[in-house]
Amino acid sequence: MIAGKFLGIFATSALYDLQFSIGNETNGLFSVQIYYTDEATTLFVNSISNLVMVLLIALPLIYFVIKTYVYQTAAQNPKTIVKITKLNLLSWITKQDTSFLTIFIWCAFLWLAAGITVVHTMQGNTYTWIGILSGVLVLLCTLFTIKTFELETGKIYPSEKKYF
């Protein structure tokens, strides 16, 4: 999360050639502060850095969810294996990185990043559309994480309908 935030700050500053200064204050939570020339620039950089932070957490989570879902479906449905073979993705479907624990941890970090972004939005420090996008993204990823949990528990506790 911290690396994503700093990457967003410094990439935006470098891409748009924004002037900033670094100060050191002992009053706040963080002693090192980054200052920009005006409030609009600060809002823009904070918004983009929040978006980068959320996306850098959401994209691997989506990757893990899709990989786990395809792995579980391939184990239960031969049609999925045929489709994967036709797309030449058979080597991609492995047990590695298909753990629910991995997905849960990434989802927890996404909740933290989206929470920070939504709080910044409510404080007026981030664009509204970025806060809404973060909230929607975390809700969708949470639903996918719950679906993955259901798939995992389905292996342990199979549905009674399968046996009748």
Protein backbone atom coordinates (compact mmCIF):
# COMPACT_ATOMS: atom_id res chain seq x y z
CA MET A 1 0.00 0.00 0.00
CA ILE A 2 2.74 2.41 0.95
CA ALA A 3 4.78 1.58 -2.14
CA GLY A 4 1.70 2.08 -4.34
CA LYS A 5 0.99 5.44 -2.75
CA PHE A 6 4.58 6.63 -3.20
CA LEU A 7 4.69 5.29 -6.75
CA GLY A 8 1.52 7.25 -7.54
CA ILE A 9 2.90 10.43 -5.97
CA PHE A 10 6.28 10.34 -7.66
CA ALA A 11 5.02 9.06 -11.03
CA THR A 12 2.40 11.81 -11.19
CA SER A 13 4.92 14.43 -10.14
CA ALA A 14 7.43 13.25 -12.74
CA LEU A 15 4.88 12.78 -15.54
CA TYR A 16 3.34 16.24 -15.13
CA ASP A 17 6.62 17.90 -14.06
CA LEU A 18 5.11 19.16 -10.81
CA GLN A 19 7.27 21.06 -8.36
CA PHE A 20 7.21 19.84 -4.78
CA SER A 21 9.22 20.20 -1.62
CA ILE A 22 9.78 17.85 1.27
CA GLY A 23 9.47 19.11 4.83
CA ASN A 24 9.92 17.60 8.25
CA GLU A 25 7.33 18.27 10.95
CA THR A 26 6.98 16.49 14.24
CA ASN A 27 3.35 17.50 14.84
CA GLY A 28 1.49 14.94 12.72
CA LEU A 29 1.35 11.21 12.37
CA PHE A 30 4.09 11.23 9.75
CA SER A 31 7.08 13.48 10.24
CA VAL A 32 7.98 13.74 6.53
CA GLN A 33 5.58 15.89 4.50
CA ILE A 34 5.40 16.50 0.74
CA TYR A 35 4.28 20.00 -0.22
CA TYR A 36 3.02 21.19 -3.62
CA THR A 37 2.68 24.74 -4.89
CA ASP A 38 -1.12 24.98 -4.68
CA GLU A 39 -4.17 23.16 -3.36
CA ALA A 40 -5.41 22.01 -6.80
CA THR A 41 -2.11 20.28 -7.49
CA THR A 42 -2.18 18.60 -4.09
CA LEU A 43 -5.74 17.36 -4.75
CA PHE A 44 -4.74 16.04 -8.17
CA VAL A 45 -1.62 14.21 -6.94
CA ASN A 46 -3.41 12.76 -3.91
CA SER A 47 -6.29 11.54 -6.10
CA ILE A 48 -4.04 9.87 -8.66
CA SER A 49 -1.84 8.31 -5.97
CA ASN A 50 -4.91 6.89 -4.22
CA LEU A 51 -6.13 5.46 -7.53
CA VAL A 52 -2.72 3.87 -8.21
CA MET A 53 -2.61 2.42 -4.69
CA VAL A 54 -6.06 0.82 -5.03
CA LEU A 55 -5.37 -0.52 -8.52
CA LEU A 56 -2.01 -2.01 -7.53
CA ILE A 57 -3.82 -4.05 -4.90
CA ALA A 58 -6.99 -4.82 -6.88
CA LEU A 59 -5.32 -6.13 -10.04
CA PRO A 60 -3.37 -8.97 -8.37
CA LEU A 61 -6.48 -9.83 -6.35
CA ILE A 62 -8.57 -10.09 -9.51
CA TYR A 63 -5.83 -12.21 -11.10
CA PHE A 64 -5.80 -14.62 -8.13
CA VAL A 65 -9.60 -14.86 -8.07
CA ILE A 66 -9.83 -15.60 -11.80
CA LYS A 67 -7.00 -18.13 -11.62
CA THR A 68 -8.58 -19.90 -8.65
CA TYR A 69 -12.01 -19.93 -10.28
CA VAL A 70 -10.66 -21.36 -13.53
CA TYR A 71 -8.59 -23.93 -11.63
CA GLN A 72 -11.60 -25.07 -9.60
CA THR A 73 -13.85 -25.14 -12.66
CA ALA A 74 -11.29 -27.10 -14.68
CA ALA A 75 -11.13 -29.70 -11.94
CA GLN A 76 -14.90 -30.18 -12.09
CA ASN A 77 -15.75 -29.58 -15.75
CA PRO A 78 -13.90 -31.17 -18.69
CA LYS A 79 -15.30 -28.52 -21.07
CA THR A 80 -13.26 -25.90 -19.27
CA ILE A 81 -10.06 -27.90 -19.83
CA VAL A 82 -10.84 -28.10 -23.56
CA LYS A 83 -11.43 -24.33 -23.74
CA ILE A 84 -8.22 -23.63 -21.83
CA THR A 85 -6.27 -25.95 -24.13
CA LYS A 86 -7.67 -24.21 -27.22
CA LEU A 87 -6.57 -20.85 -25.80
CA ASN A 88 -3.11 -22.33 -25.04
CA LEU A 89 -3.44 -21.44 -21.35
CA LEU A 90 -3.06 -24.93 -19.91
CA SER A 91 0.29 -24.16 -18.27
CA TRP A 92 -1.34 -21.17 -16.52
CA ILE A 93 -3.77 -23.37 -14.60
CA THR A 94 -1.80 -24.72 -11.66
CA LYS A 95 -2.40 -25.15 -7.96
CA GLN A 96 0.15 -22.42 -7.26
CA ASP A 97 -1.42 -19.06 -6.25
CA THR A 98 -4.90 -20.55 -5.90
CA SER A 99 -5.08 -20.47 -2.11
CA PHE A 100 -8.05 -18.83 -0.46
CA LEU A 101 -5.75 -17.43 2.22
CA THR A 102 -3.79 -15.49 -0.42
CA ILE A 103 -7.00 -14.08 -1.86
CA PHE A 104 -8.32 -13.18 1.60
CA ILE A 105 -5.12 -11.30 2.52
CA TRP A 106 -5.16 -9.31 -0.75
CA CYS A 107 -8.86 -8.54 -0.16
CA ALA A 108 -8.11 -7.30 3.37
CA PHE A 109 -5.43 -4.94 2.03
CA LEU A 110 -7.84 -3.77 -0.66
CA TRP A 111 -10.38 -2.96 2.05
CA LEU A 112 -7.75 -0.86 3.85
CA ALA A 113 -6.68 0.96 0.67
CA ALA A 114 -10.27 1.60 -0.39
CA GLY A 115 -11.13 2.76 3.13
CA ILE A 116 -8.29 5.27 3.05
CA THR A 117 -9.43 6.47 -0.37
CA VAL A 118 -13.07 6.82 0.67
CA VAL A 119 -12.08 8.73 3.83
CA HIS A 120 -9.91 11.05 1.72
CA THR A 121 -12.88 11.54 -0.60
CA MET A 122 -15.19 12.44 2.28
CA GLN A 123 -12.57 14.90 3.57
CA GLY A 124 -12.34 16.49 0.12
CA ASN A 125 -8.76 15.38 -0.48
CA THR A 126 -9.57 13.04 -3.40
CA TYR A 127 -11.85 13.32 -6.41
CA THR A 128 -15.32 11.89 -5.81
CA TRP A 129 -15.22 9.50 -8.77
CA ILE A 130 -12.07 7.85 -7.41
CA GLY A 131 -13.73 7.27 -4.03
CA ILE A 132 -16.82 5.80 -5.70
CA LEU A 133 -14.68 3.62 -7.99
CA SER A 134 -12.70 2.36 -4.99
CA GLY A 135 -15.87 1.53 -3.07
CA VAL A 136 -17.45 -0.32 -5.98
CA LEU A 137 -14.21 -2.16 -6.72
CA VAL A 138 -13.80 -3.34 -3.13
CA LEU A 139 -17.41 -4.54 -2.98
CA LEU A 140 -17.06 -6.51 -6.22
CA CYS A 141 -13.76 -8.03 -5.13
CA THR A 142 -15.31 -8.97 -1.79
CA LEU A 143 -18.12 -10.77 -3.60
CA PHE A 144 -15.57 -12.63 -5.71
CA THR A 145 -13.62 -13.52 -2.56
CA ILE A 146 -16.79 -14.90 -0.97
CA LYS A 147 -17.46 -16.93 -4.13
CA THR A 148 -13.93 -18.33 -3.92
CA PHE A 149 -14.55 -19.25 -0.28
CA GLU A 150 -17.71 -21.07 -1.33
CA LEU A 151 -15.73 -23.00 -3.94
CA GLU A 152 -13.12 -23.95 -1.35
CA THR A 153 -15.71 -25.10 1.18
CA GLY A 154 -17.49 -26.98 -1.59
CA LYS A 155 -14.46 -29.26 -1.81
CA ILE A 156 -14.59 -29.98 1.92
CA TYR A 157 -18.36 -30.11 2.35
CA PRO A 158 -19.85 -31.23 -0.98
CA SER A 159 -23.41 -30.37 -1.84
CA GLU A 160 -25.92 -33.05 -0.98
CA LYS A 161 -27.63 -32.53 -4.35
CA LYS A 162 -24.67 -34.11 -6.14
CA TYR A 163 -25.36 -37.50 -4.62
CA PHE A 164 -29.09 -37.80 -5.38
